[in-house]
């Protein structure tokens, strides 16, 4: 099924890929998948495409969907992906809101590189989101309120750590994904959910002691209270534009050599 989709993709040959400055940025969420192309500075060069995350959210279903979506976007030379879970150097480790058992040890970077015929870099979605807004100086935290809750920490805009706070206990046996995620919003309603959001921001600030805290993700637009001076809401485009930074030289340490993947894809053709 995937090979048939690849044959239909309007992807340039390898030499054209290498010269194409566009970066395809994909934000995989438990509820929605968003995609767009940006230039090397992170400025959008296409409209957003937003589509429902397939259920069940298997690797094959999501890879097929991404491969189909890119047919309507401008051509690109590289691909950046934000993924909702722990991402190792070569494999997905966890995917709490997609299904860890079906994603664990899946090599999303390599599979997408083969399908899209371009080098791919995959990193935790909260980190990618934060790369679009964390500029320093000082310590910064990015929280994403969506299907669950993502969290990433930054120092001077570059050094970071993906903190799986969504899986940490918020109260009793309920983790933060369950406490402030979209299911909690639907169950509680706007007012009660906002009371929880206030407590989450205060708790995370007390835990991390950051200078600035940014709130993103689809449910950030539902915040109705006045944020403290150290917190602000950032737009959804941030999650896409941050993908451009995955390809800067200082990020190389987090990824395998993309040229090796590209060479392997070329040999298969």
Protein backbone atom coordinates (compact mmCIF):
# COMPACT_ATOMS: atom_id res chain seq x y z
CA UNK A 1 0.00 0.00 0.00
CA UNK A 2 2.76 2.43 0.93
CA UNK A 3 4.81 1.73 -2.20
CA UNK A 4 1.80 2.58 -4.36
CA UNK A 5 1.42 5.92 -2.57
CA UNK A 6 5.11 6.72 -3.02
CA UNK A 7 4.89 6.20 -6.77
CA UNK A 8 2.17 8.87 -6.95
CA UNK A 9 4.01 11.49 -4.86
CA UNK A 10 5.25 14.59 -6.62
CA UNK A 11 8.69 14.42 -4.98
CA UNK A 12 11.68 15.74 -6.98
CA UNK A 13 14.68 13.55 -7.78
CA UNK A 14 17.45 13.31 -5.20
CA UNK A 15 19.65 16.08 -6.65
CA UNK A 16 16.69 18.49 -6.70
CA UNK A 17 15.81 17.51 -3.14
CA UNK A 18 19.27 18.48 -1.96
CA UNK A 19 18.90 21.98 -3.47
CA UNK A 20 15.31 22.61 -2.35
CA UNK A 21 15.24 25.05 0.60
CA UNK A 22 11.67 24.15 1.66
CA UNK A 23 11.27 22.05 4.79
CA UNK A 24 8.15 19.95 5.25
CA UNK A 25 7.06 20.25 8.89
CA UNK A 26 4.62 17.73 10.34
CA UNK A 27 3.10 17.94 13.81
CA UNK A 28 1.63 14.57 14.83
CA UNK A 29 -0.93 14.81 17.62
CA UNK A 30 -3.28 12.42 19.30
CA UNK A 31 -6.25 14.27 17.79
CA UNK A 32 -4.92 16.16 14.75
CA UNK A 33 -2.02 15.99 12.33
CA UNK A 34 -0.84 19.33 10.94
CA UNK A 35 1.53 19.92 8.06
CA UNK A 36 3.00 22.85 6.14
CA UNK A 37 6.22 23.83 4.41
CA UNK A 38 8.55 26.50 5.75
CA UNK A 39 11.79 28.06 4.58
CA UNK A 40 15.07 27.76 6.47
CA UNK A 41 14.15 30.68 8.75
CA UNK A 42 10.86 29.01 9.74
CA UNK A 43 8.55 31.27 7.70
CA UNK A 44 5.55 29.48 6.22
CA UNK A 45 5.71 28.87 2.47
CA UNK A 46 2.34 27.10 2.30
CA UNK A 47 -1.00 26.99 4.04
CA UNK A 48 -1.59 24.69 6.99
CA UNK A 49 -3.16 21.33 6.26
CA UNK A 50 -4.97 19.89 9.27
CA UNK A 51 -6.53 16.46 9.34
CA UNK A 52 -7.87 14.08 11.96
CA UNK A 53 -5.40 11.58 13.36
CA UNK A 54 -6.50 8.14 12.11
CA UNK A 55 -7.98 5.69 14.60
CA UNK A 56 -6.46 3.30 15.39
CA UNK A 57 -3.29 5.42 15.25
CA UNK A 58 -0.95 2.75 13.92
CA UNK A 59 2.42 3.60 12.34
CA UNK A 60 1.21 2.44 8.92
CA UNK A 61 -1.95 4.54 9.11
CA UNK A 62 -0.09 7.70 10.08
CA UNK A 63 2.73 7.24 7.56
CA UNK A 64 0.15 6.64 4.82
CA UNK A 65 -1.73 9.79 5.84
CA UNK A 66 1.40 11.96 5.84
CA UNK A 67 2.44 10.59 2.45
CA UNK A 68 -0.99 11.45 1.06
CA UNK A 69 -1.11 14.94 2.60
CA UNK A 70 2.19 16.10 1.10
CA UNK A 71 0.86 15.68 -2.42
CA UNK A 72 -0.99 19.00 -2.00
CA UNK A 73 2.00 20.92 -0.61
CA UNK A 74 4.96 22.56 -2.35
CA UNK A 75 7.99 20.36 -2.97
CA UNK A 76 10.59 20.19 -0.20
CA UNK A 77 14.14 19.08 0.46
CA UNK A 78 13.96 18.02 4.10
CA UNK A 79 11.33 16.90 6.60
CA UNK A 80 10.87 17.72 10.30
CA UNK A 81 8.40 15.81 12.46
CA UNK A 82 7.13 16.56 15.97
CA UNK A 83 6.01 13.32 17.64
CA UNK A 84 3.93 13.01 20.84
CA UNK A 85 6.20 10.80 22.91
CA UNK A 86 9.79 9.94 23.73
CA UNK A 87 11.95 9.79 20.60
CA UNK A 88 15.31 8.01 20.68
CA UNK A 89 18.14 8.43 18.18
CA UNK A 90 16.74 5.69 15.96
CA UNK A 91 13.36 4.58 17.30
CA UNK A 92 10.18 5.76 18.95
CA UNK A 93 10.23 4.78 22.62
CA UNK A 94 6.80 5.84 23.86
CA UNK A 95 3.56 7.14 22.34
CA UNK A 96 1.09 7.53 25.22
CA UNK A 97 -1.74 9.06 23.17
CA UNK A 98 -1.24 6.95 20.04
CA UNK A 99 -0.45 3.55 21.54
CA UNK A 100 3.02 2.81 22.89
CA UNK A 101 2.89 -0.92 22.19
CA UNK A 102 2.35 -0.44 18.46
CA UNK A 103 4.89 2.42 18.19
CA UNK A 104 7.68 1.18 20.46
CA UNK A 105 10.91 0.58 18.50
CA UNK A 106 9.32 1.87 15.29
CA UNK A 107 11.87 3.70 13.12
CA UNK A 108 9.66 6.59 11.99
CA UNK A 109 12.60 8.62 10.74
CA UNK A 110 13.80 5.93 8.36
CA UNK A 111 10.36 4.84 7.17
CA UNK A 112 9.27 8.39 6.34
CA UNK A 113 12.61 9.04 4.61
CA UNK A 114 11.97 6.05 2.38
CA UNK A 115 8.40 7.10 1.63
CA UNK A 116 9.03 10.80 1.04
CA UNK A 117 12.44 10.38 -0.61
CA UNK A 118 13.96 13.09 1.50
CA UNK A 119 15.97 13.15 4.75
CA UNK A 120 13.80 13.22 7.88
CA UNK A 121 14.37 14.33 11.46
CA UNK A 122 11.94 13.35 14.24
CA UNK A 123 11.85 14.83 17.74
CA UNK A 124 9.35 15.14 20.59
CA UNK A 125 6.55 17.52 19.62
CA UNK A 126 6.87 19.79 22.66
CA UNK A 127 10.57 20.24 21.93
CA UNK A 128 9.87 21.09 18.29
CA UNK A 129 7.14 23.47 19.41
CA UNK A 130 9.58 25.13 21.78
CA UNK A 131 12.25 25.51 19.13
CA UNK A 132 9.91 27.94 17.42
CA UNK A 133 9.63 30.23 20.45
CA UNK A 134 12.46 29.65 22.95
CA UNK A 135 15.12 32.20 22.12
CA UNK A 136 16.72 32.89 25.52
CA UNK A 137 18.34 34.26 27.45
CA UNK A 138 17.75 32.26 30.59
CA UNK A 139 15.55 29.28 31.35
CA UNK A 140 12.34 28.66 29.43
CA UNK A 141 9.59 26.04 29.51
CA UNK A 142 7.06 25.11 26.86
CA UNK A 143 3.80 23.37 27.77
CA UNK A 144 1.46 22.06 25.10
CA UNK A 145 -2.20 21.57 26.02
CA UNK A 146 -3.77 19.17 23.55
CA UNK A 147 -4.85 15.54 23.70
CA UNK A 148 -2.43 15.32 26.62
CA UNK A 149 0.22 17.68 27.96
CA UNK A 150 3.70 18.06 26.51
CA UNK A 151 6.61 19.73 28.28
CA UNK A 152 10.10 20.82 27.25
CA UNK A 153 12.81 22.84 28.95
CA UNK A 154 15.28 25.21 27.28
CA UNK A 155 18.38 27.06 28.43
CA UNK A 156 19.44 30.10 26.40
CA UNK A 157 17.18 28.92 23.60
CA UNK A 158 19.30 25.95 22.57
CA UNK A 159 20.06 23.41 25.29
CA UNK A 160 16.88 21.53 26.13
CA UNK A 161 15.40 18.50 27.82
CA UNK A 162 12.10 16.86 26.96
CA UNK A 163 10.32 16.27 30.25
CA UNK A 164 7.58 13.63 30.06
CA UNK A 165 5.55 15.50 32.66
CA UNK A 166 2.33 14.35 31.02
CA UNK A 167 2.99 10.89 32.43
CA UNK A 168 3.76 12.15 35.93
CA UNK A 169 1.14 12.00 38.69
CA UNK A 170 -0.77 15.25 39.00
CA UNK A 171 -3.15 14.15 41.75
CA UNK A 172 -3.83 10.73 43.28
CA UNK A 173 -3.55 8.20 40.43
CA UNK A 174 -4.23 10.73 37.65
CA UNK A 175 -1.31 11.88 35.50
CA UNK A 176 -1.11 15.29 33.84
CA UNK A 177 -2.37 13.93 30.51
CA UNK A 178 -5.56 12.86 32.26
CA UNK A 179 -5.71 15.90 34.54
CA UNK A 180 -5.46 18.65 31.90
CA UNK A 181 -5.81 16.82 28.56
CA UNK A 182 -8.68 17.18 26.11
CA UNK A 183 -10.76 14.41 27.71
CA UNK A 184 -10.66 16.35 30.99
CA UNK A 185 -11.84 19.49 29.22
CA UNK A 186 -14.79 17.64 27.71
CA UNK A 187 -15.70 16.13 31.08
CA UNK A 188 -15.26 19.24 33.24
CA UNK A 189 -16.30 22.10 30.98
CA UNK A 190 -14.48 25.37 30.37
CA UNK A 191 -14.57 26.94 33.84
CA UNK A 192 -13.42 23.93 35.85
CA UNK A 193 -10.80 23.04 33.24
CA UNK A 194 -9.37 26.56 33.51
CA UNK A 195 -9.07 26.18 37.27
CA UNK A 196 -6.97 23.10 36.64
CA UNK A 197 -4.91 24.95 34.05
CA UNK A 198 -4.10 27.65 36.65
CA UNK A 199 -2.86 24.99 39.06
CA UNK A 200 -0.79 23.32 36.35
CA UNK A 201 0.99 26.54 35.42
CA UNK A 202 1.76 27.33 39.05
CA UNK A 203 2.98 23.78 39.73
CA UNK A 204 5.23 23.67 36.67
CA UNK A 205 6.69 27.08 37.49
CA UNK A 206 7.42 25.95 41.05
CA UNK A 207 9.00 22.73 39.75
CA UNK A 208 11.17 24.24 37.01
CA UNK A 209 11.78 27.79 38.27
CA UNK A 210 12.01 29.02 34.68
CA UNK A 211 12.18 32.67 33.67
CA UNK A 212 9.47 32.30 31.03
CA UNK A 213 6.77 29.73 30.38
CA UNK A 214 5.00 29.41 27.04
CA UNK A 215 1.68 27.63 26.55
CA UNK A 216 0.82 26.18 23.15
CA UNK A 217 -1.20 23.35 21.68
CA UNK A 218 -4.80 23.28 20.48
CA UNK A 219 -6.39 23.84 23.90
CA UNK A 220 -4.25 26.85 24.77
CA UNK A 221 -6.93 28.93 23.05
CA UNK A 222 -9.37 27.87 25.77
CA UNK A 223 -7.49 29.67 28.55
CA UNK A 224 -9.75 32.40 29.92
CA UNK A 225 -7.82 33.70 32.96
CA UNK A 226 -5.14 36.37 33.07
CA UNK A 227 -1.78 34.68 32.84
CA UNK A 228 1.01 35.57 35.27
CA UNK A 229 3.72 37.90 33.97
CA UNK A 230 6.10 34.99 33.38
CA UNK A 231 3.65 33.07 31.14
CA UNK A 232 2.25 33.66 27.65
CA UNK A 233 0.27 31.82 24.97
CA UNK A 234 2.03 31.13 21.68
CA UNK A 235 0.25 30.55 18.35
CA UNK A 236 -0.21 27.11 16.74
CA UNK A 237 2.13 28.06 13.88
CA UNK A 238 4.98 27.87 16.39
CA UNK A 239 4.85 24.08 16.34
CA UNK A 240 5.40 24.11 12.59
CA UNK A 241 8.01 26.86 12.34
CA UNK A 242 10.14 25.22 15.03
CA UNK A 243 10.78 22.38 12.60
CA UNK A 244 13.19 24.56 10.63
CA UNK A 245 15.59 24.59 13.58
CA UNK A 246 15.92 20.80 13.52
CA UNK A 247 18.20 21.23 10.51
CA UNK A 248 20.63 23.73 12.01
CA UNK A 249 24.15 22.39 12.68
CA UNK A 250 23.82 22.63 16.47
CA UNK A 251 21.02 20.04 16.29
CA UNK A 252 23.09 17.38 14.49
CA UNK A 253 24.02 15.66 17.75
CA UNK A 254 20.42 14.56 18.29
CA UNK A 255 20.10 12.66 15.01
CA UNK A 256 21.72 9.97 12.94
CA UNK A 257 23.44 11.16 9.79
CA UNK A 258 20.59 12.11 7.45
CA UNK A 259 22.80 11.73 4.38
CA UNK A 260 23.08 8.01 5.20
CA UNK A 261 19.28 7.69 5.09
CA UNK A 262 19.12 9.65 1.85
CA UNK A 263 21.79 7.48 0.28
CA UNK A 264 19.96 4.32 1.28
CA UNK A 265 16.72 5.65 -0.22
CA UNK A 266 18.52 6.51 -3.45
CA UNK A 267 20.04 3.03 -3.70
CA UNK A 268 16.60 1.44 -3.39
CA UNK A 269 15.46 3.42 -6.42
